[in-house]
Amino acid sequence: MLGLRRALTAAVLVVLAPMALWASACVPAQPSTDGTAAEAVAAREPATPREVVEEMRLRWESRWPRTLEARLETTFYGRGAEQRQRWTQFYRVPGALRVEYEPRAAGNGLLYLNGEVHAFQNGQSTARARQRDALLLAGFDIHVQPVDSSLAALAALGIDTAAVHRTAVDGVLSYVIGTATPGDSTVPQLWVEADRWLARRVIESRAVGDGRILSEMRIVDRRLVDSIPLPSEVLRLRDGRPALREVWSEARAGVPLNDALFDPARWSAAVPPADA
């Protein structure tokens, strides 16, 4: 069992780091050629990536929850086998995400904090690295933090914050930050819905060993929590293949969270709100 937990932690470190977001299929959808859709986008097209990020913040900043507790069912896709695990996540927006693996008493999990990730086994810190979680950034932080902070974080993921284009896929109009070339899914990029100003997809290219991998996180579904459409199902891919699926079983927004939950030095001592 200990070996399995170590393997899962290692897998999550690889999977969660290099991932990006959007819908349901593994094969990239082709841009729509529908003229009506293109005209609708053009009528309200932001001129720059900064303006897209500004719209994401303006639309949601006053209503977006700053804290969240979620229970998840996760599935790891390996070589011909699947492994299932239950997680509990605690968000403090912007900048902090605590992931606990069940059984929670074992003290295993991850802590994303201000651009770093800390890994824990049996309540002890086992690894630390500069690494952002794409979902935390594009699915949460971007709606509440200063625009300059979001642009800097996107740039840290390798996304070109000077390039943008518009496209329509499966009837959904989107702005794509990171490339001016429609259909190019080989470079880091952020996809944003043009009507709701919500992230759909993030693609990253990261160094792993002597090579690089293309990782992606797709927001497959959203759930209304206190009338806010929060990401409730996420598919993470590695070089186009499913690696991890996360599905919320329940979620609570606006819960009081103790500072110790997000302090690496107090990982084991932190008391979750449900147990306080």
C-alpha atoms as a PDB file:
ATOM      1  CA  MET A   1       0.000   0.000   0.000  1.00  0.00           C
ATOM      2  CA  LEU A   2       2.835   2.392   0.826  1.00  0.00           C
ATOM      3  CA  GLY A   3       4.363   1.703  -2.561  1.00  0.00           C
ATOM      4  CA  LEU A   4       1.031   2.439  -4.255  1.00  0.00           C
ATOM      5  CA  ARG A   5       0.686   5.737  -2.395  1.00  0.00           C
ATOM      6  CA  ARG A   6       4.203   6.750  -3.388  1.00  0.00           C
ATOM      7  CA  ALA A   7       3.463   5.835  -6.976  1.00  0.00           C
ATOM      8  CA  LEU A   8       0.237   7.845  -6.928  1.00  0.00           C
ATOM      9  CA  THR A   9       1.975  10.877  -5.453  1.00  0.00           C
ATOM     10  CA  ALA A  10       4.691  10.686  -8.099  1.00  0.00           C
ATOM     11  CA  ALA A  11       2.057  10.312 -10.793  1.00  0.00           C
ATOM     12  CA  VAL A  12       0.121  13.339  -9.582  1.00  0.00           C
ATOM     13  CA  LEU A  13       3.274  15.456  -9.486  1.00  0.00           C
ATOM     14  CA  VAL A  14       3.870  14.590 -13.132  1.00  0.00           C
ATOM     15  CA  VAL A  15       0.230  14.863 -14.191  1.00  0.00           C
ATOM     16  CA  LEU A  16      -0.878  17.973 -12.315  1.00  0.00           C
ATOM     17  CA  ALA A  17       2.159  20.004 -13.273  1.00  0.00           C
ATOM     18  CA  PRO A  18       1.926  19.719 -17.009  1.00  0.00           C
ATOM     19  CA  MET A  19      -1.787  19.944 -17.800  1.00  0.00           C
ATOM     20  CA  ALA A  20      -4.310  22.136 -19.509  1.00  0.00           C
ATOM     21  CA  LEU A  21      -8.066  22.404 -20.018  1.00  0.00           C
ATOM     22  CA  TRP A  22     -11.262  21.917 -21.887  1.00  0.00           C
ATOM     23  CA  ALA A  23     -14.042  19.686 -22.978  1.00  0.00           C
ATOM     24  CA  SER A  24     -14.552  15.969 -23.433  1.00  0.00           C
ATOM     25  CA  ALA A  25     -12.658  14.392 -26.315  1.00  0.00           C
ATOM     26  CA  CYS A  26      -9.040  13.470 -26.698  1.00  0.00           C
ATOM     27  CA  VAL A  27      -8.962  14.379 -30.388  1.00  0.00           C
ATOM     28  CA  PRO A  28      -8.706  18.175 -30.889  1.00  0.00           C
ATOM     29  CA  ALA A  29     -11.873  19.621 -32.429  1.00  0.00           C
ATOM     30  CA  GLN A  30     -11.527  21.595 -35.631  1.00  0.00           C
ATOM     31  CA  PRO A  31     -12.343  25.316 -35.747  1.00  0.00           C
ATOM     32  CA  SER A  32     -15.795  26.165 -37.083  1.00  0.00           C
ATOM     33  CA  THR A  33     -16.111  27.915 -40.404  1.00  0.00           C
ATOM     34  CA  ASP A  34     -19.587  29.208 -39.581  1.00  0.00           C
ATOM     35  CA  GLY A  35     -19.692  32.838 -40.720  1.00  0.00           C
ATOM     36  CA  THR A  36     -22.421  33.841 -38.285  1.00  0.00           C
ATOM     37  CA  ALA A  37     -20.399  32.604 -35.332  1.00  0.00           C
ATOM     38  CA  ALA A  38     -17.289  34.410 -36.563  1.00  0.00           C
ATOM     39  CA  GLU A  39     -19.221  37.647 -36.981  1.00  0.00           C
ATOM     40  CA  ALA A  40     -20.631  37.364 -33.448  1.00  0.00           C
ATOM     41  CA  VAL A  41     -17.144  36.979 -32.019  1.00  0.00           C
ATOM     42  CA  ALA A  42     -15.733  39.822 -34.098  1.00  0.00           C
ATOM     43  CA  ALA A  43     -18.410  42.166 -32.777  1.00  0.00           C
ATOM     44  CA  ARG A  44     -16.992  41.921 -29.268  1.00  0.00           C
ATOM     45  CA  GLU A  45     -13.416  40.814 -29.813  1.00  0.00           C
ATOM     46  CA  PRO A  46     -10.859  42.060 -27.291  1.00  0.00           C
ATOM     47  CA  ALA A  47      -7.816  43.415 -29.064  1.00  0.00           C
ATOM     48  CA  THR A  48      -5.208  41.903 -26.734  1.00  0.00           C
ATOM     49  CA  PRO A  49      -4.704  39.016 -24.282  1.00  0.00           C
ATOM     50  CA  ARG A  50      -4.729  41.606 -21.489  1.00  0.00           C
ATOM     51  CA  GLU A  51      -8.251  42.628 -22.458  1.00  0.00           C
ATOM     52  CA  VAL A  52      -9.401  38.982 -22.398  1.00  0.00           C
ATOM     53  CA  VAL A  53      -8.007  38.525 -18.890  1.00  0.00           C
ATOM     54  CA  GLU A  54      -9.528  41.839 -17.808  1.00  0.00           C
ATOM     55  CA  GLU A  55     -12.939  40.643 -18.986  1.00  0.00           C
ATOM     56  CA  MET A  56     -12.534  37.382 -17.034  1.00  0.00           C
ATOM     57  CA  ARG A  57     -11.866  39.364 -13.892  1.00  0.00           C
ATOM     58  CA  LEU A  58     -14.531  42.027 -14.423  1.00  0.00           C
ATOM     59  CA  ARG A  59     -17.255  39.456 -15.094  1.00  0.00           C
ATOM     60  CA  TRP A  60     -16.704  37.393 -11.949  1.00  0.00           C
ATOM     61  CA  GLU A  61     -14.488  39.146  -9.392  1.00  0.00           C
ATOM     62  CA  SER A  62     -17.295  40.412  -7.135  1.00  0.00           C
ATOM     63  CA  ARG A  63     -19.035  37.009  -6.931  1.00  0.00           C
ATOM     64  CA  TRP A  64     -16.293  34.418  -7.189  1.00  0.00           C
ATOM     65  CA  PRO A  65     -15.802  32.417  -3.940  1.00  0.00           C
ATOM     66  CA  ARG A  66     -12.492  32.931  -2.165  1.00  0.00           C
ATOM     67  CA  THR A  67     -12.618  29.577  -0.361  1.00  0.00           C
ATOM     68  CA  LEU A  68     -13.904  26.174  -1.393  1.00  0.00           C
ATOM     69  CA  GLU A  69     -13.945  22.615  -0.073  1.00  0.00           C
ATOM     70  CA  ALA A  70     -14.552  19.798  -2.575  1.00  0.00           C
ATOM     71  CA  ARG A  71     -14.664  15.992  -2.429  1.00  0.00           C
ATOM     72  CA  LEU A  72     -13.487  14.244  -5.581  1.00  0.00           C
ATOM     73  CA  GLU A  73     -13.479  10.848  -7.239  1.00  0.00           C
ATOM     74  CA  THR A  74     -10.316  10.545  -9.330  1.00  0.00           C
ATOM     75  CA  THR A  75      -9.187   8.037 -11.943  1.00  0.00           C
ATOM     76  CA  PHE A  76      -5.564   7.562 -13.041  1.00  0.00           C
ATOM     77  CA  TYR A  77      -5.146   6.074 -16.507  1.00  0.00           C
ATOM     78  CA  GLY A  78      -2.025   3.931 -16.727  1.00  0.00           C
ATOM     79  CA  ARG A  79      -0.668   1.339 -19.094  1.00  0.00           C
ATOM     80  CA  GLY A  80      -3.734  -0.838 -19.550  1.00  0.00           C
ATOM     81  CA  ALA A  81      -4.958  -0.269 -15.990  1.00  0.00           C
ATOM     82  CA  GLU A  82      -6.937   2.296 -14.044  1.00  0.00           C
ATOM     83  CA  GLN A  83      -6.462   3.332 -10.429  1.00  0.00           C
ATOM     84  CA  ARG A  84      -9.156   5.127  -8.478  1.00  0.00           C
ATOM     85  CA  GLN A  85      -8.680   7.362  -5.482  1.00  0.00           C
ATOM     86  CA  ARG A  86     -10.715   9.808  -3.423  1.00  0.00           C
ATOM     87  CA  TRP A  87      -9.421  13.286  -2.671  1.00  0.00           C
ATOM     88  CA  THR A  88     -10.423  16.287  -0.634  1.00  0.00           C
ATOM     89  CA  GLN A  89      -9.413  19.712  -1.941  1.00  0.00           C
ATOM     90  CA  PHE A  90      -9.293  23.059  -0.172  1.00  0.00           C
ATOM     91  CA  TYR A  91      -8.995  26.231  -2.259  1.00  0.00           C
ATOM     92  CA  ARG A  92      -8.015  29.639  -0.951  1.00  0.00           C
ATOM     93  CA  VAL A  93      -8.145  32.000  -3.903  1.00  0.00           C
ATOM     94  CA  PRO A  94      -5.869  33.334  -5.163  1.00  0.00           C
ATOM     95  CA  GLY A  95      -2.790  31.183  -4.951  1.00  0.00           C
ATOM     96  CA  ALA A  96      -3.437  28.218  -2.662  1.00  0.00           C
ATOM     97  CA  LEU A  97      -4.739  24.671  -3.159  1.00  0.00           C
ATOM     98  CA  ARG A  98      -4.438  21.798  -0.679  1.00  0.00           C
ATOM     99  CA  VAL A  99      -5.033  18.261  -2.008  1.00  0.00           C
ATOM    100  CA  GLU A 100      -5.461  15.440   0.525  1.00  0.00           C
ATOM    101  CA  TYR A 101      -5.561  11.779  -0.525  1.00  0.00           C
ATOM    102  CA  GLU A 102      -7.832   9.423   1.380  1.00  0.00           C
ATOM    103  CA  PRO A 103      -7.494   8.124   3.952  1.00  0.00           C
ATOM    104  CA  ARG A 104      -6.840  11.689   5.087  1.00  0.00           C
ATOM    105  CA  ALA A 105      -5.357  10.500   8.368  1.00  0.00           C
ATOM    106  CA  ALA A 106      -2.396   9.058   6.432  1.00  0.00           C
ATOM    107  CA  GLY A 107      -1.102  12.577   5.765  1.00  0.00           C
ATOM    108  CA  ASN A 108      -0.495  12.168   2.026  1.00  0.00           C
ATOM    109  CA  GLY A 109      -1.112  14.903  -0.518  1.00  0.00           C
ATOM    110  CA  LEU A 110       0.015  18.059  -2.304  1.00  0.00           C
ATOM    111  CA  LEU A 111       0.034  21.743  -1.471  1.00  0.00           C
ATOM    112  CA  TYR A 112       0.131  24.347  -4.243  1.00  0.00           C
ATOM    113  CA  LEU A 113       1.149  27.689  -2.819  1.00  0.00           C
ATOM    114  CA  ASN A 114       2.114  30.854  -4.689  1.00  0.00           C
ATOM    115  CA  GLY A 115       3.699  29.128  -7.668  1.00  0.00           C
ATOM    116  CA  GLU A 116       5.240  26.187  -5.795  1.00  0.00           C
ATOM    117  CA  VAL A 117       4.102  22.644  -5.084  1.00  0.00           C
ATOM    118  CA  HIS A 118       4.927  20.675  -1.934  1.00  0.00           C
ATOM    119  CA  ALA A 119       4.455  16.887  -1.769  1.00  0.00           C
ATOM    120  CA  PHE A 120       3.766  15.037   1.491  1.00  0.00           C
ATOM    121  CA  GLN A 121       3.981  11.371   2.511  1.00  0.00           C
ATOM    122  CA  ASN A 122       2.936  10.197   5.967  1.00  0.00           C
ATOM    123  CA  GLY A 123       2.669  13.808   7.042  1.00  0.00           C
ATOM    124  CA  GLN A 124       6.264  14.631   6.036  1.00  0.00           C
ATOM    125  CA  SER A 125       7.443  16.867   3.205  1.00  0.00           C
ATOM    126  CA  THR A 126       9.088  14.762   0.496  1.00  0.00           C
ATOM    127  CA  ALA A 127       9.469  17.178  -2.431  1.00  0.00           C
ATOM    128  CA  ARG A 128       9.209  20.847  -3.382  1.00  0.00           C
ATOM    129  CA  ALA A 129       9.328  22.457  -6.817  1.00  0.00           C
ATOM    130  CA  ARG A 130       8.459  25.593  -8.757  1.00  0.00           C
ATOM    131  CA  GLN A 131       5.204  24.571 -10.344  1.00  0.00           C
ATOM    132  CA  ARG A 132       1.760  26.031 -10.943  1.00  0.00           C
ATOM    133  CA  ASP A 133      -1.485  24.142 -11.270  1.00  0.00           C
ATOM    134  CA  ALA A 134      -3.227  25.242 -14.456  1.00  0.00           C
ATOM    135  CA  LEU A 135      -6.711  24.714 -13.020  1.00  0.00           C
ATOM    136  CA  LEU A 136      -5.988  26.783  -9.914  1.00  0.00           C
ATOM    137  CA  LEU A 137      -4.723  29.607 -12.119  1.00  0.00           C
ATOM    138  CA  ALA A 138      -7.148  29.566 -15.051  1.00  0.00           C
ATOM    139  CA  GLY A 139     -10.174  28.157 -13.251  1.00  0.00           C
ATOM    140  CA  PHE A 140     -10.009  30.242 -10.066  1.00  0.00           C
ATOM    141  CA  ASP A 141      -7.220  32.799  -9.529  1.00  0.00           C
ATOM    142  CA  ILE A 142      -7.641  34.579 -12.852  1.00  0.00           C
ATOM    143  CA  HIS A 143     -11.119  35.778 -11.848  1.00  0.00           C
ATOM    144  CA  VAL A 144     -10.037  37.575  -8.679  1.00  0.00           C
ATOM    145  CA  GLN A 145      -6.362  38.539  -8.726  1.00  0.00           C
ATOM    146  CA  PRO A 146      -4.836  41.595 -10.449  1.00  0.00           C
ATOM    147  CA  VAL A 147      -4.572  41.286 -14.230  1.00  0.00           C
ATOM    148  CA  ASP A 148      -0.805  41.766 -14.146  1.00  0.00           C
ATOM    149  CA  SER A 149      -0.486  38.838 -11.723  1.00  0.00           C
ATOM    150  CA  SER A 150      -2.518  36.593 -14.033  1.00  0.00           C
ATOM    151  CA  LEU A 151      -0.510  37.577 -17.102  1.00  0.00           C
ATOM    152  CA  ALA A 152       2.743  36.880 -15.267  1.00  0.00           C
ATOM    153  CA  ALA A 153       1.458  33.475 -14.153  1.00  0.00           C
ATOM    154  CA  LEU A 154       0.356  32.604 -17.697  1.00  0.00           C
ATOM    155  CA  ALA A 155       3.786  33.606 -18.988  1.00  0.00           C
ATOM    156  CA  ALA A 156       5.334  31.322 -16.348  1.00  0.00           C
ATOM    157  CA  LEU A 157       3.405  28.457 -17.971  1.00  0.00           C
ATOM    158  CA  GLY A 158       5.074  29.340 -21.273  1.00  0.00           C
ATOM    159  CA  ILE A 159       1.995  31.040 -22.736  1.00  0.00           C
ATOM    160  CA  ASP A 160       2.709  33.933 -25.108  1.00  0.00           C
ATOM    161  CA  THR A 161       0.722  36.787 -23.547  1.00  0.00           C
ATOM    162  CA  ALA A 162       1.144  38.939 -26.644  1.00  0.00           C
ATOM    163  CA  ALA A 163      -0.706  36.584 -29.037  1.00  0.00           C
ATOM    164  CA  VAL A 164      -4.441  35.913 -29.310  1.00  0.00           C
ATOM    165  CA  HIS A 165      -6.989  34.739 -31.847  1.00  0.00           C
ATOM    166  CA  ARG A 166     -10.639  33.768 -31.868  1.00  0.00           C
ATOM    167  CA  THR A 167     -12.210  30.501 -32.922  1.00  0.00           C
ATOM    168  CA  ALA A 168     -15.400  28.466 -32.607  1.00  0.00           C
ATOM    169  CA  VAL A 169     -15.339  24.772 -31.664  1.00  0.00           C
ATOM    170  CA  ASP A 170     -18.454  22.642 -31.175  1.00  0.00           C
ATOM    171  CA  GLY A 171     -20.546  25.785 -31.309  1.00  0.00           C
ATOM    172  CA  VAL A 172     -18.641  27.478 -28.477  1.00  0.00           C
ATOM    173  CA  LEU A 173     -16.900  30.748 -29.339  1.00  0.00           C
ATOM    174  CA  SER A 174     -13.514  31.119 -27.670  1.00  0.00           C
ATOM    175  CA  TYR A 175     -10.514  33.391 -27.414  1.00  0.00           C
ATOM    176  CA  VAL A 176      -7.172  31.590 -27.497  1.00  0.00           C
ATOM    177  CA  ILE A 177      -4.280  33.296 -25.720  1.00  0.00           C
ATOM    178  CA  GLY A 178      -0.826  32.034 -26.666  1.00  0.00           C
ATOM    179  CA  THR A 179      -0.933  31.793 -30.442  1.00  0.00           C
ATOM    180  CA  ALA A 180      -2.241  33.846 -33.345  1.00  0.00           C
ATOM    181  CA  THR A 181      -2.527  30.733 -35.531  1.00  0.00           C
ATOM    182  CA  PRO A 182      -5.932  28.999 -35.503  1.00  0.00           C
ATOM    183  CA  GLY A 183      -5.727  25.233 -35.114  1.00  0.00           C
ATOM    184  CA  ASP A 184      -2.224  25.233 -33.613  1.00  0.00           C
ATOM    185  CA  SER A 185      -2.469  23.081 -30.473  1.00  0.00           C
ATOM    186  CA  THR A 186       1.275  22.442 -30.239  1.00  0.00           C
ATOM    187  CA  VAL A 187       2.161  25.566 -28.258  1.00  0.00           C
ATOM    188  CA  PRO A 188       1.143  26.607 -24.714  1.00  0.00           C
ATOM    189  CA  GLN A 189      -2.226  28.363 -24.700  1.00  0.00           C
ATOM    190  CA  LEU A 190      -5.335  29.301 -22.718  1.00  0.00           C
ATOM    191  CA  TRP A 191      -8.850  28.958 -24.151  1.00  0.00           C
ATOM    192  CA  VAL A 192     -11.597  31.252 -22.820  1.00  0.00           C
ATOM    193  CA  GLU A 193     -15.328  31.107 -23.579  1.00  0.00           C
ATOM    194  CA  ALA A 194     -16.399  34.305 -25.325  1.00  0.00           C
ATOM    195  CA  ASP A 195     -19.847  34.496 -23.743  1.00  0.00           C
ATOM    196  CA  ARG A 196     -19.210  33.545 -20.093  1.00  0.00           C
ATOM    197  CA  TRP A 197     -15.526  34.547 -19.834  1.00  0.00           C
ATOM    198  CA  LEU A 198     -14.613  31.199 -18.305  1.00  0.00           C
ATOM    199  CA  ALA A 199     -11.540  29.082 -19.046  1.00  0.00           C
ATOM    200  CA  ARG A 200     -12.036  25.918 -21.088  1.00  0.00           C
ATOM    201  CA  ARG A 201      -8.581  24.575 -21.799  1.00  0.00           C
ATOM    202  CA  VAL A 202      -4.910  25.104 -20.946  1.00  0.00           C
ATOM    203  CA  ILE A 203      -2.013  23.537 -22.842  1.00  0.00           C
ATOM    204  CA  GLU A 204       1.540  23.450 -21.505  1.00  0.00           C
ATOM    205  CA  SER A 205       4.838  22.132 -22.825  1.00  0.00           C
ATOM    206  CA  ARG A 206       7.198  21.017 -20.069  1.00  0.00           C
ATOM    207  CA  ALA A 207      10.637  19.522 -19.825  1.00  0.00           C
ATOM    208  CA  VAL A 208      10.664  15.974 -18.458  1.00  0.00           C
ATOM    209  CA  GLY A 209      14.039  14.306 -18.296  1.00  0.00           C
ATOM    210  CA  ASP A 210      15.811  14.812 -21.601  1.00  0.00           C
ATOM    211  CA  GLY A 211      12.623  15.556 -23.534  1.00  0.00           C
ATOM    212  CA  ARG A 212       9.399  17.515 -23.398  1.00  0.00           C
ATOM    213  CA  ILE A 213       5.769  16.545 -23.023  1.00  0.00           C
ATOM    214  CA  LEU A 214       2.620  18.335 -24.113  1.00  0.00           C
ATOM    215  CA  SER A 215       0.180  18.387 -21.227  1.00  0.00           C
ATOM    216  CA  GLU A 216      -3.377  19.561 -21.176  1.00  0.00           C
ATOM    217  CA  MET A 217      -6.189  20.183 -18.730  1.00  0.00           C
ATOM    218  CA  ARG A 218      -9.742  20.348 -20.038  1.00  0.00           C
ATOM    219  CA  ILE A 219     -12.711  21.551 -18.036  1.00  0.00           C
ATOM    220  CA  VAL A 220     -15.295  18.972 -19.054  1.00  0.00           C
ATOM    221  CA  ASP A 221     -18.158  20.185 -16.875  1.00  0.00           C
ATOM    222  CA  ARG A 222     -19.135  22.890 -14.410  1.00  0.00           C
ATOM    223  CA  ARG A 223     -21.461  22.876 -11.414  1.00  0.00           C
ATOM    224  CA  LEU A 224     -23.387  25.801  -9.981  1.00  0.00           C
ATOM    225  CA  VAL A 225     -22.172  26.366  -6.426  1.00  0.00           C
ATOM    226  CA  ASP A 226     -23.900  29.382  -4.891  1.00  0.00           C
ATOM    227  CA  SER A 227     -24.917  30.307  -8.467  1.00  0.00           C
ATOM    228  CA  ILE A 228     -21.276  30.330  -9.665  1.00  0.00           C
ATOM    229  CA  PRO A 229     -20.272  27.847 -12.441  1.00  0.00           C
ATOM    230  CA  LEU A 230     -17.239  26.155 -10.872  1.00  0.00           C
ATOM    231  CA  PRO A 231     -15.158  23.442 -12.603  1.00  0.00           C
ATOM    232  CA  SER A 232     -16.640  20.134 -11.405  1.00  0.00           C
ATOM    233  CA  GLU A 233     -15.053  17.686 -13.865  1.00  0.00           C
ATOM    234  CA  VAL A 234     -11.547  17.977 -15.248  1.00  0.00           C
ATOM    235  CA  LEU A 235      -9.629  15.749 -17.641  1.00  0.00           C
ATOM    236  CA  ARG A 236      -5.849  15.986 -17.683  1.00  0.00           C
ATOM    237  CA  LEU A 237      -3.917  14.607 -20.632  1.00  0.00           C
ATOM    238  CA  ARG A 238      -0.305  13.862 -21.378  1.00  0.00           C
ATOM    239  CA  ASP A 239       0.806  13.958 -25.009  1.00  0.00           C
ATOM    240  CA  GLY A 240      -2.848  13.694 -26.037  1.00  0.00           C
ATOM    241  CA  ARG A 241      -3.662  10.668 -23.871  1.00  0.00           C
ATOM    242  CA  PRO A 242      -5.901  10.744 -20.784  1.00  0.00           C
ATOM    243  CA  ALA A 243      -3.831  10.656 -17.607  1.00  0.00           C
ATOM    244  CA  LEU A 244      -6.179  11.767 -14.824  1.00  0.00           C
ATOM    245  CA  ARG A 245      -9.886  12.518 -14.447  1.00  0.00           C
ATOM    246  CA  GLU A 246     -11.209  14.480 -11.468  1.00  0.00           C
ATOM    247  CA  VAL A 247     -14.945  14.574 -10.696  1.00  0.00           C
ATOM    248  CA  TRP A 248     -16.500  16.429  -7.781  1.00  0.00           C
ATOM    249  CA  SER A 249     -18.914  14.453  -5.620  1.00  0.00           C
ATOM    250  CA  GLU A 250     -19.735  17.455  -3.416  1.00  0.00           C
ATOM    251  CA  ALA A 251     -18.543  21.020  -2.917  1.00  0.00           C
ATOM    252  CA  ARG A 252     -19.017  23.888  -0.457  1.00  0.00           C
ATOM    253  CA  ALA A 253     -18.082  27.488  -1.209  1.00  0.00           C
ATOM    254  CA  GLY A 254     -17.261  30.237   1.237  1.00  0.00           C
ATOM    255  CA  VAL A 255     -16.198  27.878   4.035  1.00  0.00           C
ATOM    256  CA  PRO A 256     -13.887  29.252   6.753  1.00  0.00           C
ATOM    257  CA  LEU A 257     -10.429  27.735   6.274  1.00  0.00           C
ATOM    258  CA  ASN A 258      -7.667  27.793   8.860  1.00  0.00           C
ATOM    259  CA  ASP A 259      -4.352  29.308   7.746  1.00  0.00           C
ATOM    260  CA  ALA A 260      -2.597  26.128   8.873  1.00  0.00           C
ATOM    261  CA  LEU A 261      -4.184  24.242   5.976  1.00  0.00           C
ATOM    262  CA  PHE A 262      -1.928  26.198   3.622  1.00  0.00           C
ATOM    263  CA  ASP A 263       1.240  26.226   5.724  1.00  0.00           C
ATOM    264  CA  PRO A 264       3.745  23.556   4.613  1.00  0.00           C
ATOM    265  CA  ALA A 265       5.289  23.532   8.087  1.00  0.00           C
ATOM    266  CA  ARG A 266       1.929  22.635   9.629  1.00  0.00           C
ATOM    267  CA  TRP A 267       0.648  20.110   7.092  1.00  0.00           C
ATOM    268  CA  SER A 268      -0.144  17.401   9.653  1.00  0.00           C
ATOM    269  CA  ALA A 269      -1.367  19.736  12.367  1.00  0.00           C
ATOM    270  CA  ALA A 270      -3.978  21.487  10.190  1.00  0.00           C
ATOM    271  CA  VAL A 271      -7.598  20.796  11.135  1.00  0.00           C
ATOM    272  CA  PRO A 272     -10.032  20.656   8.181  1.00  0.00           C
ATOM    273  CA  PRO A 273     -13.272  22.612   8.650  1.00  0.00           C
ATOM    274  CA  ALA A 274     -15.406  19.467   8.628  1.00  0.00           C
ATOM    275  CA  ASP A 275     -13.474  18.151  11.633  1.00  0.00           C
ATOM    276  CA  ALA A 276     -12.936  21.394  13.534  1.00  0.00           C
END
